[in-house]
Amino acid sequence: MGFQTQEVSITFASDRFVQGLNKKYRGFDQPTDVLAFAMREGEWTEIQPQLLGDIVISIDTAKKQALEMGHSLNKELAILLVHGILHLIGYDHIQSGETKKMQDMEQRILKHIGFI
């Protein structure tokens, strides 16, 4: 099944809400910019194979990061969405080699959709 047939859920939330999820699922009691919950992992992957997963973006953190980076909130949301989707399809940035691959893919996608 190709990615063109996949479904993603996107939630825009507050730092407080994202912090609760981050603590519950990752053990970090702090807000973060984006969380991705892949449906292609674990024992329940076959229930709804067209579901790629869920992305939760903190609007509060996105606003702060956009201001820090000197670009629009829309651009920051696009960056975070692309980042989240890449996590859902298996990209990660735990190791430095993986970080570079993920960043390169993010840049290619953002350029393709006109955000850089």
PDB file of N, CA and C in Angstrom:
ATOM      1  N   MET A   1       0.851  -1.184   0.000  1.00  0.00           N
ATOM      2  CA  MET A   1       0.000   0.000   0.000  1.00  0.00           C
ATOM      3  C   MET A   1       0.886   1.233   0.000  1.00  0.00           C
ATOM      4  N   GLY A   2       0.671   2.146  -0.932  1.00  0.00           N
ATOM      5  CA  GLY A   2       1.469   3.367  -1.024  1.00  0.00           C
ATOM      6  C   GLY A   2       0.989   4.433  -0.067  1.00  0.00           C
ATOM      7  N   PHE A   3       1.840   5.405   0.132  1.00  0.00           N
ATOM      8  CA  PHE A   3       1.499   6.484   1.058  1.00  0.00           C
ATOM      9  C   PHE A   3       0.345   7.344   0.540  1.00  0.00           C
ATOM     10  N   GLN A   4       0.085   7.328  -0.766  1.00  0.00           N
ATOM     11  CA  GLN A   4      -1.008   8.134  -1.299  1.00  0.00           C
ATOM     12  C   GLN A   4      -2.366   7.682  -0.764  1.00  0.00           C
ATOM     13  N   THR A   5      -2.441   6.512  -0.183  1.00  0.00           N
ATOM     14  CA  THR A   5      -3.702   6.013   0.346  1.00  0.00           C
ATOM     15  C   THR A   5      -3.747   6.080   1.874  1.00  0.00           C
ATOM     16  N   GLN A   6      -2.848   6.824   2.467  1.00  0.00           N
ATOM     17  CA  GLN A   6      -2.751   6.888   3.926  1.00  0.00           C
ATOM     18  C   GLN A   6      -3.524   8.069   4.495  1.00  0.00           C
ATOM     19  N   GLU A   7      -3.904   7.935   5.747  1.00  0.00           N
ATOM     20  CA  GLU A   7      -4.657   8.969   6.452  1.00  0.00           C
ATOM     21  C   GLU A   7      -3.869   9.399   7.690  1.00  0.00           C
ATOM     22  N   VAL A   8      -3.857  10.710   7.927  1.00  0.00           N
ATOM     23  CA  VAL A   8      -3.170  11.288   9.083  1.00  0.00           C
ATOM     24  C   VAL A   8      -4.154  12.173   9.827  1.00  0.00           C
ATOM     25  N   SER A   9      -4.121  12.066  11.145  1.00  0.00           N
ATOM     26  CA  SER A   9      -4.911  12.947  12.002  1.00  0.00           C
ATOM     27  C   SER A   9      -3.982  14.034  12.521  1.00  0.00           C
ATOM     28  N   ILE A  10      -4.427  15.296  12.441  1.00  0.00           N
ATOM     29  CA  ILE A  10      -3.622  16.420  12.919  1.00  0.00           C
ATOM     30  C   ILE A  10      -4.414  17.168  13.980  1.00  0.00           C
ATOM     31  N   THR A  11      -3.797  17.351  15.129  1.00  0.00           N
ATOM     32  CA  THR A  11      -4.420  18.097  16.217  1.00  0.00           C
ATOM     33  C   THR A  11      -3.535  19.282  16.571  1.00  0.00           C
ATOM     34  N   PHE A  12      -4.135  20.451  16.653  1.00  0.00           N
ATOM     35  CA  PHE A  12      -3.440  21.646  17.119  1.00  0.00           C
ATOM     36  C   PHE A  12      -3.888  21.877  18.554  1.00  0.00           C
ATOM     37  N   ALA A  13      -2.924  22.002  19.463  1.00  0.00           N
ATOM     38  CA  ALA A  13      -3.256  22.042  20.888  1.00  0.00           C
ATOM     39  C   ALA A  13      -2.386  23.063  21.615  1.00  0.00           C
ATOM     40  N   SER A  14      -2.672  23.214  22.896  1.00  0.00           N
ATOM     41  CA  SER A  14      -1.898  24.108  23.756  1.00  0.00           C
ATOM     42  C   SER A  14      -0.654  23.400  24.278  1.00  0.00           C
ATOM     43  N   ASP A  15       0.295  24.187  24.789  1.00  0.00           N
ATOM     44  CA  ASP A  15       1.476  23.602  25.433  1.00  0.00           C
ATOM     45  C   ASP A  15       1.068  22.672  26.570  1.00  0.00           C
ATOM     46  N   ARG A  16       0.074  23.078  27.324  1.00  0.00           N
ATOM     47  CA  ARG A  16      -0.361  22.276  28.474  1.00  0.00           C
ATOM     48  C   ARG A  16      -0.838  20.884  28.036  1.00  0.00           C
ATOM     49  N   PHE A  17      -1.632  20.849  26.997  1.00  0.00           N
ATOM     50  CA  PHE A  17      -2.138  19.571  26.488  1.00  0.00           C
ATOM     51  C   PHE A  17      -0.990  18.709  25.971  1.00  0.00           C
ATOM     52  N   VAL A  18      -0.099  19.311  25.179  1.00  0.00           N
ATOM     53  CA  VAL A  18       1.029  18.580  24.608  1.00  0.00           C
ATOM     54  C   VAL A  18       1.966  18.101  25.713  1.00  0.00           C
ATOM     55  N   GLN A  19       2.147  18.912  26.743  1.00  0.00           N
ATOM     56  CA  GLN A  19       2.994  18.504  27.861  1.00  0.00           C
ATOM     57  C   GLN A  19       2.438  17.249  28.528  1.00  0.00           C
ATOM     58  N   GLY A  20       1.134  17.188  28.693  1.00  0.00           N
ATOM     59  CA  GLY A  20       0.512  15.998  29.271  1.00  0.00           C
ATOM     60  C   GLY A  20       0.773  14.755  28.444  1.00  0.00           C
ATOM     61  N   LEU A  21       0.653  14.873  27.117  1.00  0.00           N
ATOM     62  CA  LEU A  21       0.936  13.741  26.233  1.00  0.00           C
ATOM     63  C   LEU A  21       2.417  13.369  26.274  1.00  0.00           C
ATOM     64  N   ASN A  22       3.264  14.383  26.277  1.00  0.00           N
ATOM     65  CA  ASN A  22       4.700  14.152  26.298  1.00  0.00           C
ATOM     66  C   ASN A  22       5.120  13.414  27.575  1.00  0.00           C
ATOM     67  N   LYS A  23       4.512  13.790  28.679  1.00  0.00           N
ATOM     68  CA  LYS A  23       4.817  13.123  29.950  1.00  0.00           C
ATOM     69  C   LYS A  23       4.294  11.688  29.943  1.00  0.00           C
ATOM     70  N   LYS A  24       3.066  11.513  29.496  1.00  0.00           N
ATOM     71  CA  LYS A  24       2.442  10.192  29.521  1.00  0.00           C
ATOM     72  C   LYS A  24       3.127   9.196  28.586  1.00  0.00           C
ATOM     73  N   TYR A  25       3.447   9.626  27.379  1.00  0.00           N
ATOM     74  CA  TYR A  25       3.943   8.694  26.375  1.00  0.00           C
ATOM     75  C   TYR A  25       5.457   8.686  26.180  1.00  0.00           C
ATOM     76  N   ARG A  26       6.131   9.766  26.603  1.00  0.00           N
ATOM     77  CA  ARG A  26       7.581   9.813  26.398  1.00  0.00           C
ATOM     78  C   ARG A  26       8.354   9.995  27.702  1.00  0.00           C
ATOM     79  N   GLY A  27       7.633  10.290  28.788  1.00  0.00           N
ATOM     80  CA  GLY A  27       8.298  10.454  30.076  1.00  0.00           C
ATOM     81  C   GLY A  27       8.958  11.803  30.274  1.00  0.00           C
ATOM     82  N   PHE A  28       8.645  12.776  29.422  1.00  0.00           N
ATOM     83  CA  PHE A  28       9.208  14.119  29.534  1.00  0.00           C
ATOM     84  C   PHE A  28       8.116  15.078  30.000  1.00  0.00           C
ATOM     85  N   ASP A  29       8.276  15.633  31.190  1.00  0.00           N
ATOM     86  CA  ASP A  29       7.265  16.528  31.757  1.00  0.00           C
ATOM     87  C   ASP A  29       7.522  17.965  31.316  1.00  0.00           C
ATOM     88  N   GLN A  30       7.401  18.183  30.017  1.00  0.00           N
ATOM     89  CA  GLN A  30       7.586  19.512  29.437  1.00  0.00           C
ATOM     90  C   GLN A  30       6.867  19.553  28.099  1.00  0.00           C
ATOM     91  N   PRO A  31       6.498  20.733  27.668  1.00  0.00           N
ATOM     92  CA  PRO A  31       5.873  20.817  26.340  1.00  0.00           C
ATOM     93  C   PRO A  31       6.925  20.578  25.260  1.00  0.00           C
ATOM     94  N   THR A  32       6.456  20.249  24.088  1.00  0.00           N
ATOM     95  CA  THR A  32       7.324  20.105  22.922  1.00  0.00           C
ATOM     96  C   THR A  32       6.562  20.640  21.719  1.00  0.00           C
ATOM     97  N   ASP A  33       7.227  20.797  20.609  1.00  0.00           N
ATOM     98  CA  ASP A  33       6.570  21.398  19.453  1.00  0.00           C
ATOM     99  C   ASP A  33       5.641  20.445  18.715  1.00  0.00           C
ATOM    100  N   VAL A  34       6.076  19.200  18.535  1.00  0.00           N
ATOM    101  CA  VAL A  34       5.258  18.243  17.777  1.00  0.00           C
ATOM    102  C   VAL A  34       5.464  16.833  18.312  1.00  0.00           C
ATOM    103  N   LEU A  35       4.385  16.090  18.379  1.00  0.00           N
ATOM    104  CA  LEU A  35       4.425  14.674  18.743  1.00  0.00           C
ATOM    105  C   LEU A  35       3.797  13.886  17.606  1.00  0.00           C
ATOM    106  N   ALA A  36       4.361  12.730  17.326  1.00  0.00           N
ATOM    107  CA  ALA A  36       3.827  11.864  16.274  1.00  0.00           C
ATOM    108  C   ALA A  36       3.583  10.482  16.865  1.00  0.00           C
ATOM    109  N   PHE A  37       2.400   9.973  16.646  1.00  0.00           N
ATOM    110  CA  PHE A  37       2.006   8.655  17.134  1.00  0.00           C
ATOM    111  C   PHE A  37       1.705   7.773  15.929  1.00  0.00           C
ATOM    112  N   ALA A  38       2.662   6.927  15.588  1.00  0.00           N
ATOM    113  CA  ALA A  38       2.547   6.091  14.394  1.00  0.00           C
ATOM    114  C   ALA A  38       1.596   4.927  14.625  1.00  0.00           C
ATOM    115  N   MET A  39       0.756   4.689  13.651  1.00  0.00           N
ATOM    116  CA  MET A  39      -0.155   3.542  13.695  1.00  0.00           C
ATOM    117  C   MET A  39       0.469   2.328  13.002  1.00  0.00           C
ATOM    118  N   ARG A  40       1.654   2.473  12.473  1.00  0.00           N
ATOM    119  CA  ARG A  40       2.345   1.378  11.801  1.00  0.00           C
ATOM    120  C   ARG A  40       3.286   0.646  12.744  1.00  0.00           C
ATOM    121  N   GLU A  41       3.200   0.951  14.019  1.00  0.00           N
ATOM    122  CA  GLU A  41       4.058   0.313  15.013  1.00  0.00           C
ATOM    123  C   GLU A  41       3.188  -0.427  16.013  1.00  0.00           C
ATOM    124  N   GLY A  42       3.727  -1.477  16.581  1.00  0.00           N
ATOM    125  CA  GLY A  42       3.008  -2.199  17.620  1.00  0.00           C
ATOM    126  C   GLY A  42       2.105  -3.292  17.072  1.00  0.00           C
ATOM    127  N   GLU A  43       1.348  -3.865  17.992  1.00  0.00           N
ATOM    128  CA  GLU A  43       0.548  -5.044  17.655  1.00  0.00           C
ATOM    129  C   GLU A  43      -0.760  -4.742  16.933  1.00  0.00           C
ATOM    130  N   TRP A  44      -1.173  -3.494  16.833  1.00  0.00           N
ATOM    131  CA  TRP A  44      -2.482  -3.178  16.258  1.00  0.00           C
ATOM    132  C   TRP A  44      -2.394  -2.592  14.851  1.00  0.00           C
ATOM    133  N   THR A  45      -1.283  -2.794  14.164  1.00  0.00           N
ATOM    134  CA  THR A  45      -1.072  -2.161  12.862  1.00  0.00           C
ATOM    135  C   THR A  45      -2.046  -2.612  11.780  1.00  0.00           C
ATOM    136  N   GLU A  46      -2.611  -3.778  11.905  1.00  0.00           N
ATOM    137  CA  GLU A  46      -3.483  -4.305  10.857  1.00  0.00           C
ATOM    138  C   GLU A  46      -4.948  -3.908  11.009  1.00  0.00           C
ATOM    139  N   ILE A  47      -5.313  -3.267  12.105  1.00  0.00           N
ATOM    140  CA  ILE A  47      -6.718  -2.908  12.327  1.00  0.00           C
ATOM    141  C   ILE A  47      -7.211  -1.932  11.266  1.00  0.00           C
ATOM    142  N   GLN A  48      -6.482  -0.871  11.052  1.00  0.00           N
ATOM    143  CA  GLN A  48      -6.822   0.124  10.033  1.00  0.00           C
ATOM    144  C   GLN A  48      -5.547   0.443   9.254  1.00  0.00           C
ATOM    145  N   PRO A  49      -5.139  -0.383   8.307  1.00  0.00           N
ATOM    146  CA  PRO A  49      -3.844  -0.198   7.643  1.00  0.00           C
ATOM    147  C   PRO A  49      -3.703   1.117   6.877  1.00  0.00           C
ATOM    148  N   GLN A  50      -4.807   1.775   6.558  1.00  0.00           N
ATOM    149  CA  GLN A  50      -4.715   3.062   5.851  1.00  0.00           C
ATOM    150  C   GLN A  50      -4.384   4.219   6.789  1.00  0.00           C
ATOM    151  N   LEU A  51      -4.432   3.996   8.105  1.00  0.00           N
ATOM    152  CA  LEU A  51      -4.124   5.049   9.069  1.00  0.00           C
ATOM    153  C   LEU A  51      -2.622   5.115   9.300  1.00  0.00           C
ATOM    154  N   LEU A  52      -2.033   6.221   8.932  1.00  0.00           N
ATOM    155  CA  LEU A  52      -0.597   6.410   9.136  1.00  0.00           C
ATOM    156  C   LEU A  52      -0.307   6.779  10.588  1.00  0.00           C
ATOM    157  N   GLY A  53      -1.163   7.613  11.184  1.00  0.00           N
ATOM    158  CA  GLY A  53      -0.982   7.968  12.583  1.00  0.00           C
ATOM    159  C   GLY A  53      -1.538   9.336  12.916  1.00  0.00           C
ATOM    160  N   ASP A  54      -1.155   9.796  14.104  1.00  0.00           N
ATOM    161  CA  ASP A  54      -1.634  11.068  14.639  1.00  0.00           C
ATOM    162  C   ASP A  54      -0.460  12.014  14.862  1.00  0.00           C
ATOM    163  N   ILE A  55      -0.690  13.281  14.541  1.00  0.00           N
ATOM    164  CA  ILE A  55       0.303  14.321  14.790  1.00  0.00           C
ATOM    165  C   ILE A  55      -0.363  15.357  15.684  1.00  0.00           C
ATOM    166  N   VAL A  56       0.337  15.729  16.754  1.00  0.00           N
ATOM    167  CA  VAL A  56      -0.154  16.763  17.672  1.00  0.00           C
ATOM    168  C   VAL A  56       0.872  17.881  17.673  1.00  0.00           C
ATOM    169  N   ILE A  57       0.435  19.079  17.315  1.00  0.00           N
ATOM    170  CA  ILE A  57       1.317  20.247  17.229  1.00  0.00           C
ATOM    171  C   ILE A  57       0.895  21.261  18.280  1.00  0.00           C
ATOM    172  N   SER A  58       1.866  21.742  19.054  1.00  0.00           N
ATOM    173  CA  SER A  58       1.591  22.796  20.027  1.00  0.00           C
ATOM    174  C   SER A  58       1.603  24.151  19.329  1.00  0.00           C
ATOM    175  N   ILE A  59       0.452  24.794  19.326  1.00  0.00           N
ATOM    176  CA  ILE A  59       0.352  26.132  18.744  1.00  0.00           C
ATOM    177  C   ILE A  59       1.200  27.118  19.547  1.00  0.00           C
ATOM    178  N   ASP A  60       1.197  26.979  20.878  1.00  0.00           N
ATOM    179  CA  ASP A  60       1.979  27.889  21.731  1.00  0.00           C
ATOM    180  C   ASP A  60       3.462  27.827  21.378  1.00  0.00           C
ATOM    181  N   THR A  61       4.000  26.617  21.303  1.00  0.00           N
ATOM    182  CA  THR A  61       5.418  26.452  20.977  1.00  0.00           C
ATOM    183  C   THR A  61       5.691  26.861  19.534  1.00  0.00           C
ATOM    184  N   ALA A  62       4.786  26.546  18.625  1.00  0.00           N
ATOM    185  CA  ALA A  62       4.959  26.940  17.225  1.00  0.00           C
ATOM    186  C   ALA A  62       5.055  28.460  17.101  1.00  0.00           C
ATOM    187  N   LYS A  63       4.219  29.186  17.836  1.00  0.00           N
ATOM    188  CA  LYS A  63       4.273  30.654  17.798  1.00  0.00           C
ATOM    189  C   LYS A  63       5.620  31.156  18.298  1.00  0.00           C
ATOM    190  N   LYS A  64       6.100  30.594  19.399  1.00  0.00           N
ATOM    191  CA  LYS A  64       7.400  31.002  19.957  1.00  0.00           C
ATOM    192  C   LYS A  64       8.524  30.722  18.970  1.00  0.00           C
ATOM    193  N   GLN A  65       8.511  29.538  18.386  1.00  0.00           N
ATOM    194  CA  GLN A  65       9.574  29.162  17.458  1.00  0.00           C
ATOM    195  C   GLN A  65       9.541  30.004  16.189  1.00  0.00           C
ATOM    196  N   ALA A  66       8.360  30.322  15.703  1.00  0.00           N
ATOM    197  CA  ALA A  66       8.247  31.175  14.517  1.00  0.00           C
ATOM    198  C   ALA A  66       8.849  32.552  14.802  1.00  0.00           C
ATOM    199  N   LEU A  67       8.550  33.095  15.958  1.00  0.00           N
ATOM    200  CA  LEU A  67       9.094  34.395  16.351  1.00  0.00           C
ATOM    201  C   LEU A  67      10.621  34.333  16.457  1.00  0.00           C
ATOM    202  N   GLU A  68      11.130  33.279  17.111  1.00  0.00           N
ATOM    203  CA  GLU A  68      12.579  33.106  17.262  1.00  0.00           C
ATOM    204  C   GLU A  68      13.276  32.969  15.913  1.00  0.00           C
ATOM    205  N   MET A  69      12.653  32.271  14.983  1.00  0.00           N
ATOM    206  CA  MET A  69      13.250  32.024  13.670  1.00  0.00           C
ATOM    207  C   MET A  69      13.010  33.171  12.682  1.00  0.00           C
ATOM    208  N   GLY A  70      12.111  34.080  13.037  1.00  0.00           N
ATOM    209  CA  GLY A  70      11.832  35.215  12.171  1.00  0.00           C
ATOM    210  C   GLY A  70      11.022  34.868  10.934  1.00  0.00           C
ATOM    211  N   HIS A  71      10.162  33.855  11.067  1.00  0.00           N
ATOM    212  CA  HIS A  71       9.281  33.543   9.949  1.00  0.00           C
ATOM    213  C   HIS A  71       7.834  33.427  10.445  1.00  0.00           C
ATOM    214  N   SER A  72       6.926  33.189   9.527  1.00  0.00           N
ATOM    215  CA  SER A  72       5.505  33.187   9.859  1.00  0.00           C
ATOM    216  C   SER A  72       5.101  31.935  10.636  1.00  0.00           C
ATOM    217  N   LEU A  73       3.978  32.055  11.323  1.00  0.00           N
ATOM    218  CA  LEU A  73       3.410  30.900  12.010  1.00  0.00           C
ATOM    219  C   LEU A  73       3.059  29.812  11.000  1.00  0.00           C
ATOM    220  N   ASN A  74       2.536  30.195   9.833  1.00  0.00           N
ATOM    221  CA  ASN A  74       2.200  29.206   8.807  1.00  0.00           C
ATOM    222  C   ASN A  74       3.422  28.397   8.385  1.00  0.00           C
ATOM    223  N   LYS A  75       4.559  29.064   8.223  1.00  0.00           N
ATOM    224  CA  LYS A  75       5.773  28.338   7.846  1.00  0.00           C
ATOM    225  C   LYS A  75       6.181  27.386   8.964  1.00  0.00           C
ATOM    226  N   GLU A  76       6.110  27.843  10.209  1.00  0.00           N
ATOM    227  CA  GLU A  76       6.480  26.979  11.336  1.00  0.00           C
ATOM    228  C   GLU A  76       5.550  25.772  11.419  1.00  0.00           C
ATOM    229  N   LEU A  77       4.265  25.993  11.206  1.00  0.00           N
ATOM    230  CA  LEU A  77       3.324  24.867  11.224  1.00  0.00           C
ATOM    231  C   LEU A  77       3.625  23.875  10.099  1.00  0.00           C
ATOM    232  N   ALA A  78       3.999  24.382   8.932  1.00  0.00           N
ATOM    233  CA  ALA A  78       4.374  23.497   7.819  1.00  0.00           C
ATOM    234  C   ALA A  78       5.613  22.675   8.181  1.00  0.00           C
ATOM    235  N   ILE A  79       6.584  23.320   8.797  1.00  0.00           N
ATOM    236  CA  ILE A  79       7.812  22.629   9.218  1.00  0.00           C
ATOM    237  C   ILE A  79       7.468  21.523  10.208  1.00  0.00           C
ATOM    238  N   LEU A  80       6.656  21.844  11.193  1.00  0.00           N
ATOM    239  CA  LEU A  80       6.300  20.861  12.218  1.00  0.00           C
ATOM    240  C   LEU A  80       5.457  19.726  11.642  1.00  0.00           C
ATOM    241  N   LEU A  81       4.571  20.049  10.724  1.00  0.00           N
ATOM    242  CA  LEU A  81       3.753  19.017  10.095  1.00  0.00           C
ATOM    243  C   LEU A  81       4.621  18.056   9.277  1.00  0.00           C
ATOM    244  N   VAL A  82       5.514  18.590   8.485  1.00  0.00           N
ATOM    245  CA  VAL A  82       6.420  17.748   7.703  1.00  0.00           C
ATOM    246  C   VAL A  82       7.266  16.894   8.639  1.00  0.00           C
ATOM    247  N   HIS A  83       7.771  17.493   9.700  1.00  0.00           N
ATOM    248  CA  HIS A  83       8.576  16.768  10.681  1.00  0.00           C
ATOM    249  C   HIS A  83       7.774  15.602  11.276  1.00  0.00           C
ATOM    250  N   GLY A  84       6.537  15.876  11.661  1.00  0.00           N
ATOM    251  CA  GLY A  84       5.682  14.842  12.231  1.00  0.00           C
ATOM    252  C   GLY A  84       5.385  13.718  11.250  1.00  0.00           C
ATOM    253  N   ILE A  85       5.103  14.074  10.008  1.00  0.00           N
ATOM    254  CA  ILE A  85       4.817  13.059   8.995  1.00  0.00           C
ATOM    255  C   ILE A  85       6.044  12.177   8.755  1.00  0.00           C
ATOM    256  N   LEU A  86       7.214  12.783   8.726  1.00  0.00           N
ATOM    257  CA  LEU A  86       8.429  11.990   8.547  1.00  0.00           C
ATOM    258  C   LEU A  86       8.611  11.000   9.689  1.00  0.00           C
ATOM    259  N   HIS A  87       8.276  11.417  10.908  1.00  0.00           N
ATOM    260  CA  HIS A  87       8.317  10.465  12.025  1.00  0.00           C
ATOM    261  C   HIS A  87       7.342   9.311  11.779  1.00  0.00           C
ATOM    262  N   LEU A  88       6.159   9.626  11.286  1.00  0.00           N
ATOM    263  CA  LEU A  88       5.153   8.586  11.060  1.00  0.00           C
ATOM    264  C   LEU A  88       5.588   7.557  10.028  1.00  0.00           C
ATOM    265  N   ILE A  89       6.429   7.962   9.092  1.00  0.00           N
ATOM    266  CA  ILE A  89       6.863   7.013   8.060  1.00  0.00           C
ATOM    267  C   ILE A  89       8.234   6.413   8.366  1.00  0.00           C
ATOM    268  N   GLY A  90       8.733   6.660   9.591  1.00  0.00           N
ATOM    269  CA  GLY A  90       9.928   5.950  10.022  1.00  0.00           C
ATOM    270  C   GLY A  90      11.202   6.750  10.181  1.00  0.00           C
ATOM    271  N   TYR A  91      11.192   8.016   9.839  1.00  0.00           N
ATOM    272  CA  TYR A  91      12.386   8.833  10.041  1.00  0.00           C
ATOM    273  C   TYR A  91      12.511   9.174  11.520  1.00  0.00           C
ATOM    274  N   ASP A  92      13.757   9.340  11.966  1.00  0.00           N
ATOM    275  CA  ASP A  92      13.999   9.721  13.356  1.00  0.00           C
ATOM    276  C   ASP A  92      15.271  10.540  13.429  1.00  0.00           C
ATOM    277  N   HIS A  93      15.526  11.089  14.594  1.00  0.00           N
ATOM    278  CA  HIS A  93      16.722  11.912  14.761  1.00  0.00           C
ATOM    279  C   HIS A  93      17.409  11.621  16.092  1.00  0.00           C
ATOM    280  N   ILE A  94      17.410  10.343  16.466  1.00  0.00           N
ATOM    281  CA  ILE A  94      18.068   9.935  17.700  1.00  0.00           C
ATOM    282  C   ILE A  94      19.584   9.910  17.502  1.00  0.00           C
ATOM    283  N   GLN A  95      20.032   9.383  16.380  1.00  0.00           N
ATOM    284  CA  GLN A  95      21.459   9.333  16.079  1.00  0.00           C
ATOM    285  C   GLN A  95      21.797  10.387  15.035  1.00  0.00           C
ATOM    286  N   SER A  96      23.028  10.882  15.068  1.00  0.00           N
ATOM    287  CA  SER A  96      23.412  11.988  14.194  1.00  0.00           C
ATOM    288  C   SER A  96      23.232  11.668  12.716  1.00  0.00           C
ATOM    289  N   GLY A  97      23.528  10.460  12.273  1.00  0.00           N
ATOM    290  CA  GLY A  97      23.331  10.095  10.868  1.00  0.00           C
ATOM    291  C   GLY A  97      21.878  10.151  10.465  1.00  0.00           C
ATOM    292  N   GLU A  98      21.004   9.738  11.363  1.00  0.00           N
ATOM    293  CA  GLU A  98      19.566   9.791  11.110  1.00  0.00           C
ATOM    294  C   GLU A  98      19.085  11.235  11.089  1.00  0.00           C
ATOM    295  N   THR A  99      19.653  12.056  11.939  1.00  0.00           N
ATOM    296  CA  THR A  99      19.269  13.467  12.007  1.00  0.00           C
ATOM    297  C   THR A  99      19.491  14.140  10.662  1.00  0.00           C
ATOM    298  N   LYS A 100      20.647  13.928  10.071  1.00  0.00           N
ATOM    299  CA  LYS A 100      20.987  14.543   8.783  1.00  0.00           C
ATOM    300  C   LYS A 100      20.039  14.067   7.687  1.00  0.00           C
ATOM    301  N   LYS A 101      19.752  12.776   7.642  1.00  0.00           N
ATOM    302  CA  LYS A 101      18.823  12.246   6.638  1.00  0.00           C
ATOM    303  C   LYS A 101      17.447  12.874   6.790  1.00  0.00           C
ATOM    304  N   MET A 102      16.986  12.994   8.039  1.00  0.00           N
ATOM    305  CA  MET A 102      15.663  13.557   8.287  1.00  0.00           C
ATOM    306  C   MET A 102      15.632  15.040   7.927  1.00  0.00           C
ATOM    307  N   GLN A 103      16.664  15.774   8.307  1.00  0.00           N
ATOM    308  CA  GLN A 103      16.716  17.201   7.983  1.00  0.00           C
ATOM    309  C   GLN A 103      16.761  17.425   6.470  1.00  0.00           C
ATOM    310  N   ASP A 104      17.530  16.606   5.770  1.00  0.00           N
ATOM    311  CA  ASP A 104      17.594  16.737   4.311  1.00  0.00           C
ATOM    312  C   ASP A 104      16.224  16.495   3.674  1.00  0.00           C
ATOM    313  N   MET A 105      15.523  15.468   4.147  1.00  0.00           N
ATOM    314  CA  MET A 105      14.194  15.176   3.611  1.00  0.00           C
ATOM    315  C   MET A 105      13.220  16.312   3.932  1.00  0.00           C
ATOM    316  N   GLU A 106      13.283  16.838   5.152  1.00  0.00           N
ATOM    317  CA  GLU A 106      12.431  17.975   5.519  1.00  0.00           C
ATOM    318  C   GLU A 106      12.656  19.136   4.565  1.00  0.00           C
ATOM    319  N   GLN A 107      13.910  19.462   4.305  1.00  0.00           N
ATOM    320  CA  GLN A 107      14.241  20.581   3.427  1.00  0.00           C
ATOM    321  C   GLN A 107      13.726  20.347   2.006  1.00  0.00           C
ATOM    322  N   ARG A 108      13.884  19.131   1.519  1.00  0.00           N
ATOM    323  CA  ARG A 108      13.401  18.815   0.164  1.00  0.00           C
ATOM    324  C   ARG A 108      11.886  18.989   0.075  1.00  0.00           C
ATOM    325  N   ILE A 109      11.178  18.494   1.074  1.00  0.00           N
ATOM    326  CA  ILE A 109       9.716  18.597   1.055  1.00  0.00           C
ATOM    327  C   ILE A 109       9.282  20.048   1.188  1.00  0.00           C
ATOM    328  N   LEU A 110       9.864  20.773   2.138  1.00  0.00           N
ATOM    329  CA  LEU A 110       9.500  22.180   2.330  1.00  0.00           C
ATOM    330  C   LEU A 110       9.787  23.015   1.082  1.00  0.00           C
ATOM    331  N   LYS A 111      10.872  22.721   0.409  1.00  0.00           N
ATOM    332  CA  LYS A 111      11.187  23.422  -0.848  1.00  0.00           C
ATOM    333  C   LYS A 111      10.127  23.075  -1.899  1.00  0.00           C
ATOM    334  N   HIS A 112       9.792  21.815  -1.998  1.00  0.00           N
ATOM    335  CA  HIS A 112       8.808  21.351  -2.981  1.00  0.00           C
ATOM    336  C   HIS A 112       7.432  22.013  -2.782  1.00  0.00           C
ATOM    337  N   ILE A 113       7.047  22.215  -1.529  1.00  0.00           N
ATOM    338  CA  ILE A 113       5.726  22.811  -1.269  1.00  0.00           C
ATOM    339  C   ILE A 113       5.790  24.333  -1.143  1.00  0.00           C
ATOM    340  N   GLY A 114       6.967  24.913  -1.345  1.00  0.00           N
ATOM    341  CA  GLY A 114       7.092  26.368  -1.439  1.00  0.00           C
ATOM    342  C   GLY A 114       7.299  27.106  -0.130  1.00  0.00           C
ATOM    343  N   PHE A 115       7.791  26.428   0.909  1.00  0.00           N
ATOM    344  CA  PHE A 115       8.030  27.117   2.167  1.00  0.00           C
ATOM    345  C   PHE A 115       9.484  27.517   2.364  1.00  0.00           C
ATOM    346  N   ILE A 116      10.349  27.103   1.456  1.00  0.00           N
ATOM    347  CA  ILE A 116      11.746  27.586   1.475  1.00  0.00           C
ATOM    348  C   ILE A 116      12.213  27.789   0.067  1.00  0.00           C
TER     349      ILE A 116
END
